[in-house]
C-alpha cells in the first residue's frame, strides 16, 4: 500500500535524465508570487462565476430555455475542472517536481477531468 505522506516518486521510474528539475520556480520569487496570485484569482473568480450561473438561471423563469441549460452544464463542468485541477496545481507548485502527494484517488480523478 502506498503511504500518501511519503508521496509517489515519479522521477525514479523515468530515469536520471529528469532528476535535476528540483526548484525550477524556487529560484525566482517574482515568478512564484505572480503564479500564485494569478492562480488564486482564477480560482476565486471561476468558483464565484460558475456557481452563480446555475443559481441565476434556476431563479429566473424567463431564463429557463434549452440554450441556458447548456450554459448551466458548461458552468458545472468548468466548476468541476476548477475544483479538481487548480488545487492540484497549487500542490504541484509547492512540492518537489515528480512527487505526487495527493494520493491515488486524486491522481486518477484529475487525469479523468483533464482528459
PDB file of N, CA and C in Angstrom:
ATOM      1  N   UNK A   1       0.832  -1.172   0.000  1.00  0.00           N
ATOM      2  CA  UNK A   1       0.000   0.000   0.000  1.00  0.00           C
ATOM      3  C   UNK A   1       0.881   1.241   0.000  1.00  0.00           C
ATOM      4  N   UNK A   2       0.492   2.242  -0.735  1.00  0.00           N
ATOM      5  CA  UNK A   2       1.261   3.470  -0.842  1.00  0.00           C
ATOM      6  C   UNK A   2       0.882   4.403   0.296  1.00  0.00           C
ATOM      7  N   UNK A   3       1.885   4.920   0.994  1.00  0.00           N
ATOM      8  CA  UNK A   3       1.645   5.866   2.077  1.00  0.00           C
ATOM      9  C   UNK A   3       1.577   7.271   1.499  1.00  0.00           C
ATOM     10  N   UNK A   4       0.409   7.976   1.584  1.00  0.00           N
ATOM     11  CA  UNK A   4       0.269   9.301   0.986  1.00  0.00           C
ATOM     12  C   UNK A   4       1.214  10.328   1.582  1.00  0.00           C
ATOM     13  N   UNK A   5       1.660  10.131   2.818  1.00  0.00           N
ATOM     14  CA  UNK A   5       2.563  11.112   3.412  1.00  0.00           C
ATOM     15  C   UNK A   5       3.945  11.060   2.770  1.00  0.00           C
ATOM     16  N   UNK A   6       4.316   9.920   2.218  1.00  0.00           N
ATOM     17  CA  UNK A   6       5.605   9.805   1.551  1.00  0.00           C
ATOM     18  C   UNK A   6       5.566  10.349   0.136  1.00  0.00           C
ATOM     19  N   UNK A   7       4.423  10.320  -0.517  1.00  0.00           N
ATOM     20  CA  UNK A   7       4.325  10.742  -1.908  1.00  0.00           C
ATOM     21  C   UNK A   7       4.763   9.618  -2.828  1.00  0.00           C
ATOM     22  N   UNK A   8       4.450   9.747  -4.078  1.00  0.00           N
ATOM     23  CA  UNK A   8       4.830   8.763  -5.077  1.00  0.00           C
ATOM     24  C   UNK A   8       5.934   9.384  -5.903  1.00  0.00           C
ATOM     25  N   UNK A   9       7.099   8.766  -5.924  1.00  0.00           N
ATOM     26  CA  UNK A   9       8.228   9.327  -6.647  1.00  0.00           C
ATOM     27  C   UNK A   9       8.120   8.948  -8.115  1.00  0.00           C
ATOM     28  N   UNK A  10       7.733   9.920  -8.945  1.00  0.00           N
ATOM     29  CA  UNK A  10       7.570   9.667 -10.363  1.00  0.00           C
ATOM     30  C   UNK A  10       8.892   9.705 -11.112  1.00  0.00           C
ATOM     31  N   UNK A  11       9.864  10.452 -10.604  1.00  0.00           N
ATOM     32  CA  UNK A  11      11.135  10.590 -11.306  1.00  0.00           C
ATOM     33  C   UNK A  11      11.979   9.336 -11.247  1.00  0.00           C
ATOM     34  N   UNK A  12      11.827   8.527 -10.193  1.00  0.00           N
ATOM     35  CA  UNK A  12      12.648   7.334 -10.088  1.00  0.00           C
ATOM     36  C   UNK A  12      12.303   6.322 -11.177  1.00  0.00           C
ATOM     37  N   UNK A  13      11.054   6.312 -11.634  1.00  0.00           N
ATOM     38  CA  UNK A  13      10.674   5.368 -12.677  1.00  0.00           C
ATOM     39  C   UNK A  13      11.044   5.880 -14.068  1.00  0.00           C
ATOM     40  N   UNK A  14      11.242   7.192 -14.203  1.00  0.00           N
ATOM     41  CA  UNK A  14      11.570   7.759 -15.509  1.00  0.00           C
ATOM     42  C   UNK A  14      13.050   7.610 -15.807  1.00  0.00           C
ATOM     43  N   UNK A  15      13.865   7.830 -14.821  1.00  0.00           N
ATOM     44  CA  UNK A  15      15.294   7.703 -15.024  1.00  0.00           C
ATOM     45  C   UNK A  15      16.040   8.947 -14.573  1.00  0.00           C
ATOM     46  N   UNK A  16      17.347   8.939 -14.703  1.00  0.00           N
ATOM     47  CA  UNK A  16      18.156  10.028 -14.174  1.00  0.00           C
ATOM     48  C   UNK A  16      18.105  11.305 -15.004  1.00  0.00           C
ATOM     49  N   UNK A  17      17.496  11.291 -16.181  1.00  0.00           N
ATOM     50  CA  UNK A  17      17.522  12.476 -17.033  1.00  0.00           C
ATOM     51  C   UNK A  17      16.677  13.620 -16.483  1.00  0.00           C
ATOM     52  N   UNK A  18      15.697  13.342 -15.598  1.00  0.00           N
ATOM     53  CA  UNK A  18      14.829  14.383 -15.067  1.00  0.00           C
ATOM     54  C   UNK A  18      15.088  14.693 -13.601  1.00  0.00           C
ATOM     55  N   UNK A  19      16.128  14.143 -13.013  1.00  0.00           N
ATOM     56  CA  UNK A  19      16.336  14.328 -11.584  1.00  0.00           C
ATOM     57  C   UNK A  19      16.845  15.714 -11.229  1.00  0.00           C
ATOM     58  N   UNK A  20      17.316  16.504 -12.141  1.00  0.00           N
ATOM     59  CA  UNK A  20      17.815  17.834 -11.831  1.00  0.00           C
ATOM     60  C   UNK A  20      16.766  18.916 -11.923  1.00  0.00           C
ATOM     61  N   UNK A  21      15.488  18.554 -11.887  1.00  0.00           N
ATOM     62  CA  UNK A  21      14.416  19.532 -12.076  1.00  0.00           C
ATOM     63  C   UNK A  21      13.973  20.204 -10.787  1.00  0.00           C
ATOM     64  N   UNK A  22      14.496  19.831  -9.634  1.00  0.00           N
ATOM     65  CA  UNK A  22      14.040  20.390  -8.374  1.00  0.00           C
ATOM     66  C   UNK A  22      14.265  21.892  -8.346  1.00  0.00           C
ATOM     67  N   UNK A  23      13.237  22.601  -7.885  1.00  0.00           N
ATOM     68  CA  UNK A  23      13.376  24.024  -7.648  1.00  0.00           C
ATOM     69  C   UNK A  23      13.359  24.905  -8.874  1.00  0.00           C
ATOM     70  N   UNK A  24      12.620  24.558  -9.917  1.00  0.00           N
ATOM     71  CA  UNK A  24      12.567  25.406 -11.095  1.00  0.00           C
ATOM     72  C   UNK A  24      11.991  26.774 -10.766  1.00  0.00           C
ATOM     73  N   UNK A  25      10.910  26.831  -9.975  1.00  0.00           N
ATOM     74  CA  UNK A  25      10.314  28.100  -9.586  1.00  0.00           C
ATOM     75  C   UNK A  25      10.867  28.630  -8.272  1.00  0.00           C
ATOM     76  N   UNK A  26      11.615  27.821  -7.544  1.00  0.00           N
ATOM     77  CA  UNK A  26      12.098  28.238  -6.240  1.00  0.00           C
ATOM     78  C   UNK A  26      13.111  29.375  -6.344  1.00  0.00           C
ATOM     79  N   UNK A  27      13.859  29.462  -7.421  1.00  0.00           N
ATOM     80  CA  UNK A  27      14.868  30.495  -7.569  1.00  0.00           C
ATOM     81  C   UNK A  27      14.296  31.848  -7.929  1.00  0.00           C
ATOM     82  N   UNK A  28      13.127  31.902  -8.487  1.00  0.00           N
ATOM     83  CA  UNK A  28      12.530  33.156  -8.934  1.00  0.00           C
ATOM     84  C   UNK A  28      11.318  33.484  -8.062  1.00  0.00           C
ATOM     85  N   UNK A  29      11.514  34.376  -7.105  1.00  0.00           N
ATOM     86  CA  UNK A  29      10.443  34.735  -6.190  1.00  0.00           C
ATOM     87  C   UNK A  29       9.328  35.489  -6.895  1.00  0.00           C
ATOM     88  N   UNK A  30       9.673  36.369  -7.811  1.00  0.00           N
ATOM     89  CA  UNK A  30       8.636  37.142  -8.505  1.00  0.00           C
ATOM     90  C   UNK A  30       7.769  36.248  -9.389  1.00  0.00           C
ATOM     91  N   UNK A  31       8.366  35.255 -10.026  1.00  0.00           N
ATOM     92  CA  UNK A  31       7.591  34.309 -10.834  1.00  0.00           C
ATOM     93  C   UNK A  31       6.666  33.489  -9.959  1.00  0.00           C
ATOM     94  N   UNK A  32       7.167  33.076  -8.811  1.00  0.00           N
ATOM     95  CA  UNK A  32       6.366  32.293  -7.871  1.00  0.00           C
ATOM     96  C   UNK A  32       5.173  33.102  -7.360  1.00  0.00           C
ATOM     97  N   UNK A  33       5.411  34.327  -6.958  1.00  0.00           N
ATOM     98  CA  UNK A  33       4.342  35.188  -6.447  1.00  0.00           C
ATOM     99  C   UNK A  33       3.315  35.482  -7.533  1.00  0.00           C
ATOM    100  N   UNK A  34       3.776  35.750  -8.750  1.00  0.00           N
ATOM    101  CA  UNK A  34       2.854  36.012  -9.858  1.00  0.00           C
ATOM    102  C   UNK A  34       2.005  34.785 -10.170  1.00  0.00           C
ATOM    103  N   UNK A  35       2.613  33.611 -10.154  1.00  0.00           N
ATOM    104  CA  UNK A  35       1.881  32.377 -10.443  1.00  0.00           C
ATOM    105  C   UNK A  35       0.819  32.108  -9.375  1.00  0.00           C
ATOM    106  N   UNK A  36       1.177  32.244  -8.121  1.00  0.00           N
ATOM    107  CA  UNK A  36       0.222  32.013  -7.037  1.00  0.00           C
ATOM    108  C   UNK A  36      -0.907  33.039  -7.090  1.00  0.00           C
ATOM    109  N   UNK A  37      -0.578  34.296  -7.375  1.00  0.00           N
ATOM    110  CA  UNK A  37      -1.594  35.344  -7.456  1.00  0.00           C
ATOM    111  C   UNK A  37      -2.575  35.084  -8.593  1.00  0.00           C
ATOM    112  N   UNK A  38      -2.064  34.757  -9.763  1.00  0.00           N
ATOM    113  CA  UNK A  38      -2.930  34.503 -10.923  1.00  0.00           C
ATOM    114  C   UNK A  38      -3.797  33.267 -10.686  1.00  0.00           C
ATOM    115  N   UNK A  39      -3.206  32.210 -10.124  1.00  0.00           N
ATOM    116  CA  UNK A  39      -3.984  31.002  -9.851  1.00  0.00           C
ATOM    117  C   UNK A  39      -5.062  31.267  -8.803  1.00  0.00           C
ATOM    118  N   UNK A  40      -4.774  32.096  -7.813  1.00  0.00           N
ATOM    119  CA  UNK A  40      -5.760  32.430  -6.784  1.00  0.00           C
ATOM    120  C   UNK A  40      -6.913  33.233  -7.363  1.00  0.00           C
ATOM    121  N   UNK A  41      -6.601  34.195  -8.227  1.00  0.00           N
ATOM    122  CA  UNK A  41      -7.644  34.994  -8.868  1.00  0.00           C
ATOM    123  C   UNK A  41      -8.531  34.117  -9.745  1.00  0.00           C
ATOM    124  N   UNK A  42      -7.913  33.230 -10.528  1.00  0.00           N
ATOM    125  CA  UNK A  42      -8.680  32.324 -11.382  1.00  0.00           C
ATOM    126  C   UNK A  42      -9.571  31.419 -10.532  1.00  0.00           C
ATOM    127  N   UNK A  43      -9.054  30.935  -9.414  1.00  0.00           N
ATOM    128  CA  UNK A  43      -9.840  30.070  -8.536  1.00  0.00           C
ATOM    129  C   UNK A  43     -11.044  30.810  -7.966  1.00  0.00           C
ATOM    130  N   UNK A  44     -10.834  32.010  -7.439  1.00  0.00           N
ATOM    131  CA  UNK A  44     -11.934  32.765  -6.826  1.00  0.00           C
ATOM    132  C   UNK A  44     -12.975  33.208  -7.846  1.00  0.00           C
ATOM    133  N   UNK A  45     -12.531  33.768  -8.963  1.00  0.00           N
ATOM    134  CA  UNK A  45     -13.471  34.233  -9.991  1.00  0.00           C
ATOM    135  C   UNK A  45     -14.187  33.053 -10.643  1.00  0.00           C
ATOM    136  N   UNK A  46     -13.458  31.974 -10.877  1.00  0.00           N
ATOM    137  CA  UNK A  46     -14.054  30.792 -11.507  1.00  0.00           C
ATOM    138  C   UNK A  46     -15.117  30.147 -10.649  1.00  0.00           C
ATOM    139  N   UNK A  47     -14.832  29.998  -9.365  1.00  0.00           N
ATOM    140  CA  UNK A  47     -15.819  29.399  -8.472  1.00  0.00           C
ATOM    141  C   UNK A  47     -17.042  30.310  -8.349  1.00  0.00           C
ATOM    142  N   UNK A  48     -16.798  31.597  -8.149  1.00  0.00           N
ATOM    143  CA  UNK A  48     -17.913  32.541  -7.993  1.00  0.00           C
ATOM    144  C   UNK A  48     -18.800  32.569  -9.232  1.00  0.00           C
ATOM    145  N   UNK A  49     -18.202  32.738 -10.385  1.00  0.00           N
ATOM    146  CA  UNK A  49     -18.976  32.832 -11.622  1.00  0.00           C
ATOM    147  C   UNK A  49     -19.714  31.561 -11.974  1.00  0.00           C
ATOM    148  N   UNK A  50     -19.048  30.435 -11.808  1.00  0.00           N
ATOM    149  CA  UNK A  50     -19.667  29.170 -12.189  1.00  0.00           C
ATOM    150  C   UNK A  50     -20.712  28.688 -11.192  1.00  0.00           C
ATOM    151  N   UNK A  51     -20.678  29.185  -9.966  1.00  0.00           N
ATOM    152  CA  UNK A  51     -21.749  28.881  -9.015  1.00  0.00           C
ATOM    153  C   UNK A  51     -22.946  29.797  -9.271  1.00  0.00           C
ATOM    154  N   UNK A  52     -22.684  31.044  -9.663  1.00  0.00           N
ATOM    155  CA  UNK A  52     -23.772  31.993  -9.887  1.00  0.00           C
ATOM    156  C   UNK A  52     -24.606  31.683 -11.129  1.00  0.00           C
ATOM    157  N   UNK A  53     -24.004  31.112 -12.164  1.00  0.00           N
ATOM    158  CA  UNK A  53     -24.745  30.833 -13.407  1.00  0.00           C
ATOM    159  C   UNK A  53     -25.940  29.911 -13.159  1.00  0.00           C
ATOM    160  N   UNK A  54     -25.776  28.738 -12.537  1.00  0.00           N
ATOM    161  CA  UNK A  54     -26.965  27.900 -12.292  1.00  0.00           C
ATOM    162  C   UNK A  54     -27.972  28.538 -11.334  1.00  0.00           C
ATOM    163  N   UNK A  55     -27.474  29.310 -10.366  1.00  0.00           N
ATOM    164  CA  UNK A  55     -28.387  29.963  -9.422  1.00  0.00           C
ATOM    165  C   UNK A  55     -29.270  30.977 -10.140  1.00  0.00           C
ATOM    166  N   UNK A  56     -28.670  31.797 -10.988  1.00  0.00           N
ATOM    167  CA  UNK A  56     -29.426  32.822 -11.709  1.00  0.00           C
ATOM    168  C   UNK A  56     -30.424  32.192 -12.668  1.00  0.00           C
ATOM    169  N   UNK A  57     -30.003  31.167 -13.394  1.00  0.00           N
ATOM    170  CA  UNK A  57     -30.893  30.534 -14.365  1.00  0.00           C
ATOM    171  C   UNK A  57     -32.027  29.781 -13.652  1.00  0.00           C
ATOM    172  N   UNK A  58     -31.745  29.173 -12.508  1.00  0.00           N
ATOM    173  CA  UNK A  58     -32.801  28.483 -11.763  1.00  0.00           C
ATOM    174  C   UNK A  58     -33.762  29.470 -11.107  1.00  0.00           C
ATOM    175  N   UNK A  59     -33.257  30.635 -10.765  1.00  0.00           N
ATOM    176  CA  UNK A  59     -34.085  31.629 -10.076  1.00  0.00           C
ATOM    177  C   UNK A  59     -35.058  32.353 -11.016  1.00  0.00           C
ATOM    178  N   UNK A  60     -34.641  32.599 -12.251  1.00  0.00           N
ATOM    179  CA  UNK A  60     -35.473  33.343 -13.200  1.00  0.00           C
ATOM    180  C   UNK A  60     -36.169  32.380 -14.160  1.00  0.00           C
ATOM    181  N   UNK A  61     -37.487  32.475 -14.212  1.00  0.00           N
ATOM    182  CA  UNK A  61     -38.257  31.585 -15.073  1.00  0.00           C
ATOM    183  C   UNK A  61     -38.048  31.904 -16.559  1.00  0.00           C
ATOM    184  N   UNK A  62     -37.784  33.166 -16.876  1.00  0.00           N
ATOM    185  CA  UNK A  62     -37.572  33.565 -18.276  1.00  0.00           C
ATOM    186  C   UNK A  62     -36.284  32.995 -18.862  1.00  0.00           C
ATOM    187  N   UNK A  63     -35.322  32.677 -18.012  1.00  0.00           N
ATOM    188  CA  UNK A  63     -34.029  32.181 -18.494  1.00  0.00           C
ATOM    189  C   UNK A  63     -33.992  30.660 -18.650  1.00  0.00           C
ATOM    190  N   UNK A  64     -35.048  29.973 -18.331  1.00  0.00           N
ATOM    191  CA  UNK A  64     -35.066  28.509 -18.443  1.00  0.00           C
ATOM    192  C   UNK A  64     -35.435  28.095 -19.857  1.00  0.00           C
ATOM    193  N   UNK A  65     -34.425  28.031 -20.707  1.00  0.00           N
ATOM    194  CA  UNK A  65     -34.609  27.531 -22.074  1.00  0.00           C
ATOM    195  C   UNK A  65     -33.452  26.587 -22.390  1.00  0.00           C
ATOM    196  N   UNK A  66     -33.494  25.978 -23.548  1.00  0.00           N
ATOM    197  CA  UNK A  66     -32.502  24.948 -23.866  1.00  0.00           C
ATOM    198  C   UNK A  66     -31.087  25.511 -23.962  1.00  0.00           C
ATOM    199  N   UNK A  67     -30.941  26.725 -24.460  1.00  0.00           N
ATOM    200  CA  UNK A  67     -29.606  27.318 -24.565  1.00  0.00           C
ATOM    201  C   UNK A  67     -29.000  27.532 -23.180  1.00  0.00           C
ATOM    202  N   UNK A  68     -29.788  28.027 -22.255  1.00  0.00           N
ATOM    203  CA  UNK A  68     -29.262  28.281 -20.919  1.00  0.00           C
ATOM    204  C   UNK A  68     -29.039  26.998 -20.122  1.00  0.00           C
ATOM    205  N   UNK A  69     -29.770  25.943 -20.449  1.00  0.00           N
ATOM    206  CA  UNK A  69     -29.496  24.651 -19.818  1.00  0.00           C
ATOM    207  C   UNK A  69     -28.116  24.153 -20.233  1.00  0.00           C
ATOM    208  N   UNK A  70     -27.758  24.361 -21.497  1.00  0.00           N
ATOM    209  CA  UNK A  70     -26.400  24.022 -21.942  1.00  0.00           C
ATOM    210  C   UNK A  70     -25.359  24.878 -21.225  1.00  0.00           C
ATOM    211  N   UNK A  71     -25.672  26.157 -20.966  1.00  0.00           N
ATOM    212  CA  UNK A  71     -24.748  27.020 -20.230  1.00  0.00           C
ATOM    213  C   UNK A  71     -24.579  26.557 -18.785  1.00  0.00           C
ATOM    214  N   UNK A  72     -25.656  26.065 -18.178  1.00  0.00           N
ATOM    215  CA  UNK A  72     -25.551  25.519 -16.825  1.00  0.00           C
ATOM    216  C   UNK A  72     -24.649  24.285 -16.839  1.00  0.00           C
ATOM    217  N   UNK A  73     -24.829  23.433 -17.833  1.00  0.00           N
ATOM    218  CA  UNK A  73     -23.991  22.250 -17.966  1.00  0.00           C
ATOM    219  C   UNK A  73     -22.527  22.644 -18.126  1.00  0.00           C
ATOM    220  N   UNK A  74     -22.258  23.643 -18.948  1.00  0.00           N
ATOM    221  CA  UNK A  74     -20.891  24.125 -19.158  1.00  0.00           C
ATOM    222  C   UNK A  74     -20.321  24.718 -17.874  1.00  0.00           C
ATOM    223  N   UNK A  75     -21.123  25.467 -17.138  1.00  0.00           N
ATOM    224  CA  UNK A  75     -20.662  26.063 -15.884  1.00  0.00           C
ATOM    225  C   UNK A  75     -20.327  24.992 -14.853  1.00  0.00           C
ATOM    226  N   UNK A  76     -21.148  23.954 -14.774  1.00  0.00           N
ATOM    227  CA  UNK A  76     -20.880  22.878 -13.822  1.00  0.00           C
ATOM    228  C   UNK A  76     -19.629  22.080 -14.210  1.00  0.00           C
ATOM    229  N   UNK A  77     -19.433  21.859 -15.501  1.00  0.00           N
ATOM    230  CA  UNK A  77     -18.224  21.168 -15.952  1.00  0.00           C
ATOM    231  C   UNK A  77     -16.981  22.012 -15.667  1.00  0.00           C
ATOM    232  N   UNK A  78     -17.087  23.314 -15.903  1.00  0.00           N
ATOM    233  CA  UNK A  78     -15.967  24.208 -15.629  1.00  0.00           C
ATOM    234  C   UNK A  78     -15.688  24.263 -14.126  1.00  0.00           C
ATOM    235  N   UNK A  79     -16.720  24.250 -13.319  1.00  0.00           N
ATOM    236  CA  UNK A  79     -16.547  24.238 -11.873  1.00  0.00           C
ATOM    237  C   UNK A  79     -15.833  22.970 -11.420  1.00  0.00           C
ATOM    238  N   UNK A  80     -16.175  21.844 -12.016  1.00  0.00           N
ATOM    239  CA  UNK A  80     -15.501  20.582 -11.701  1.00  0.00           C
ATOM    240  C   UNK A  80     -14.017  20.653 -12.041  1.00  0.00           C
ATOM    241  N   UNK A  81     -13.697  21.211 -13.192  1.00  0.00           N
ATOM    242  CA  UNK A  81     -12.292  21.356 -13.587  1.00  0.00           C
ATOM    243  C   UNK A  81     -11.559  22.283 -12.618  1.00  0.00           C
ATOM    244  N   UNK A  82     -12.187  23.395 -12.264  1.00  0.00           N
ATOM    245  CA  UNK A  82     -11.548  24.346 -11.348  1.00  0.00           C
ATOM    246  C   UNK A  82     -11.322  23.717  -9.976  1.00  0.00           C
ATOM    247  N   UNK A  83     -12.302  22.993  -9.470  1.00  0.00           N
ATOM    248  CA  UNK A  83     -12.196  22.425  -8.128  1.00  0.00           C
ATOM    249  C   UNK A  83     -11.225  21.256  -8.042  1.00  0.00           C
ATOM    250  N   UNK A  84     -10.977  20.575  -9.151  1.00  0.00           N
ATOM    251  CA  UNK A  84     -10.049  19.439  -9.115  1.00  0.00           C
ATOM    252  C   UNK A  84      -8.661  19.826  -9.618  1.00  0.00           C
ATOM    253  N   UNK A  85      -8.590  20.576 -10.694  1.00  0.00           N
ATOM    254  CA  UNK A  85      -7.291  20.829 -11.321  1.00  0.00           C
ATOM    255  C   UNK A  85      -6.502  21.973 -10.695  1.00  0.00           C
ATOM    256  N   UNK A  86      -7.144  23.048 -10.272  1.00  0.00           N
ATOM    257  CA  UNK A  86      -6.382  24.156  -9.688  1.00  0.00           C
ATOM    258  C   UNK A  86      -5.770  23.813  -8.334  1.00  0.00           C
ATOM    259  N   UNK A  87      -6.486  23.168  -7.415  1.00  0.00           N
ATOM    260  CA  UNK A  87      -5.796  22.758  -6.179  1.00  0.00           C
ATOM    261  C   UNK A  87      -4.634  21.801  -6.441  1.00  0.00           C
ATOM    262  N   UNK A  88      -4.794  20.956  -7.442  1.00  0.00           N
ATOM    263  CA  UNK A  88      -3.694  20.079  -7.833  1.00  0.00           C
ATOM    264  C   UNK A  88      -2.500  20.900  -8.290  1.00  0.00           C
ATOM    265  N   UNK A  89      -2.759  21.962  -9.046  1.00  0.00           N
ATOM    266  CA  UNK A  89      -1.688  22.848  -9.492  1.00  0.00           C
ATOM    267  C   UNK A  89      -0.998  23.545  -8.333  1.00  0.00           C
ATOM    268  N   UNK A  90      -1.778  23.961  -7.314  1.00  0.00           N
ATOM    269  CA  UNK A  90      -1.185  24.569  -6.129  1.00  0.00           C
ATOM    270  C   UNK A  90      -0.263  23.595  -5.408  1.00  0.00           C
ATOM    271  N   UNK A  91      -0.702  22.364  -5.257  1.00  0.00           N
ATOM    272  CA  UNK A  91       0.123  21.362  -4.578  1.00  0.00           C
ATOM    273  C   UNK A  91       1.385  21.084  -5.378  1.00  0.00           C
ATOM    274  N   UNK A  92       1.268  20.972  -6.691  1.00  0.00           N
ATOM    275  CA  UNK A  92       2.444  20.740  -7.525  1.00  0.00           C
ATOM    276  C   UNK A  92       3.410  21.911  -7.478  1.00  0.00           C
ATOM    277  N   UNK A  93       2.881  23.118  -7.342  1.00  0.00           N
ATOM    278  CA  UNK A  93       3.723  24.304  -7.267  1.00  0.00           C
ATOM    279  C   UNK A  93       4.522  24.338  -5.971  1.00  0.00           C
ATOM    280  N   UNK A  94       3.937  23.826  -4.887  1.00  0.00           N
ATOM    281  CA  UNK A  94       4.590  23.867  -3.581  1.00  0.00           C
ATOM    282  C   UNK A  94       5.367  22.608  -3.244  1.00  0.00           C
ATOM    283  N   UNK A  95       5.376  21.610  -4.102  1.00  0.00           N
ATOM    284  CA  UNK A  95       6.045  20.353  -3.781  1.00  0.00           C
ATOM    285  C   UNK A  95       7.220  20.116  -4.721  1.00  0.00           C
ATOM    286  N   UNK A  96       7.938  19.068  -4.428  1.00  0.00           N
ATOM    287  CA  UNK A  96       9.070  18.663  -5.256  1.00  0.00           C
ATOM    288  C   UNK A  96       8.567  18.121  -6.580  1.00  0.00           C
ATOM    289  N   UNK A  97       9.137  18.559  -7.715  1.00  0.00           N
ATOM    290  CA  UNK A  97       8.682  18.035  -9.011  1.00  0.00           C
ATOM    291  C   UNK A  97       8.849  16.523  -9.088  1.00  0.00           C
ATOM    292  N   UNK A  98       7.827  15.872  -9.607  1.00  0.00           N
ATOM    293  CA  UNK A  98       7.883  14.436  -9.797  1.00  0.00           C
ATOM    294  C   UNK A  98       7.349  13.628  -8.630  1.00  0.00           C
ATOM    295  N   UNK A  99       6.934  14.281  -7.529  1.00  0.00           N
ATOM    296  CA  UNK A  99       6.386  13.571  -6.372  1.00  0.00           C
ATOM    297  C   UNK A  99       4.921  13.966  -6.233  1.00  0.00           C
ATOM    298  N   UNK A 100       4.037  12.971  -6.166  1.00  0.00           N
ATOM    299  CA  UNK A 100       2.602  13.211  -6.086  1.00  0.00           C
ATOM    300  C   UNK A 100       2.151  12.962  -4.649  1.00  0.00           C
ATOM    301  N   UNK A 101       1.697  14.009  -3.960  1.00  0.00           N
ATOM    302  CA  UNK A 101       1.318  13.918  -2.555  1.00  0.00           C
ATOM    303  C   UNK A 101      -0.182  13.709  -2.332  1.00  0.00           C
ATOM    304  N   UNK A 102      -0.992  13.767  -3.356  1.00  0.00           N
ATOM    305  CA  UNK A 102      -2.439  13.770  -3.187  1.00  0.00           C
ATOM    306  C   UNK A 102      -3.092  12.396  -3.211  1.00  0.00           C
ATOM    307  N   UNK A 103      -2.325  11.356  -3.350  1.00  0.00           N
ATOM    308  CA  UNK A 103      -2.889  10.012  -3.306  1.00  0.00           C
ATOM    309  C   UNK A 103      -3.353   9.516  -4.670  1.00  0.00           C
ATOM    310  N   UNK A 104      -3.643   8.231  -4.695  1.00  0.00           N
ATOM    311  CA  UNK A 104      -4.000   7.566  -5.947  1.00  0.00           C
ATOM    312  C   UNK A 104      -5.369   7.995  -6.466  1.00  0.00           C
ATOM    313  N   UNK A 105      -6.329   8.228  -5.573  1.00  0.00           N
ATOM    314  CA  UNK A 105      -7.674   8.630  -5.993  1.00  0.00           C
ATOM    315  C   UNK A 105      -7.650   9.993  -6.677  1.00  0.00           C
ATOM    316  N   UNK A 106      -6.951  10.955  -6.108  1.00  0.00           N
ATOM    317  CA  UNK A 106      -6.871  12.280  -6.707  1.00  0.00           C
ATOM    318  C   UNK A 106      -6.084  12.228  -8.011  1.00  0.00           C
ATOM    319  N   UNK A 107      -5.110  11.369  -8.100  1.00  0.00           N
ATOM    320  CA  UNK A 107      -4.349  11.208  -9.337  1.00  0.00           C
ATOM    321  C   UNK A 107      -5.270  10.728 -10.462  1.00  0.00           C
ATOM    322  N   UNK A 108      -6.082   9.727 -10.160  1.00  0.00           N
ATOM    323  CA  UNK A 108      -6.992   9.198 -11.171  1.00  0.00           C
ATOM    324  C   UNK A 108      -8.083  10.210 -11.528  1.00  0.00           C
ATOM    325  N   UNK A 109      -8.655  10.880 -10.523  1.00  0.00           N
ATOM    326  CA  UNK A 109      -9.731  11.824 -10.816  1.00  0.00           C
ATOM    327  C   UNK A 109      -9.238  13.041 -11.571  1.00  0.00           C
ATOM    328  N   UNK A 110      -8.055  13.525 -11.266  1.00  0.00           N
ATOM    329  CA  UNK A 110      -7.548  14.688 -12.028  1.00  0.00           C
ATOM    330  C   UNK A 110      -7.215  14.291 -13.452  1.00  0.00           C
ATOM    331  N   UNK A 111      -6.733  13.087 -13.675  1.00  0.00           N
ATOM    332  CA  UNK A 111      -6.479  12.643 -15.051  1.00  0.00           C
ATOM    333  C   UNK A 111      -7.781  12.473 -15.823  1.00  0.00           C
ATOM    334  N   UNK A 112      -8.828  12.005 -15.168  1.00  0.00           N
ATOM    335  CA  UNK A 112     -10.123  11.875 -15.847  1.00  0.00           C
ATOM    336  C   UNK A 112     -10.664  13.239 -16.234  1.00  0.00           C
ATOM    337  N   UNK A 113     -10.579  14.210 -15.338  1.00  0.00           N
ATOM    338  CA  UNK A 113     -11.096  15.543 -15.603  1.00  0.00           C
ATOM    339  C   UNK A 113     -10.281  16.254 -16.674  1.00  0.00           C
ATOM    340  N   UNK A 114      -8.977  16.102 -16.631  1.00  0.00           N
ATOM    341  CA  UNK A 114      -8.110  16.787 -17.601  1.00  0.00           C
ATOM    342  C   UNK A 114      -8.299  16.206 -19.006  1.00  0.00           C
ATOM    343  N   UNK A 115      -8.421  14.889 -19.107  1.00  0.00           N
ATOM    344  CA  UNK A 115      -8.514  14.269 -20.414  1.00  0.00           C
ATOM    345  C   UNK A 115      -9.963  13.968 -20.716  1.00  0.00           C
TER     346      UNK A 115
END
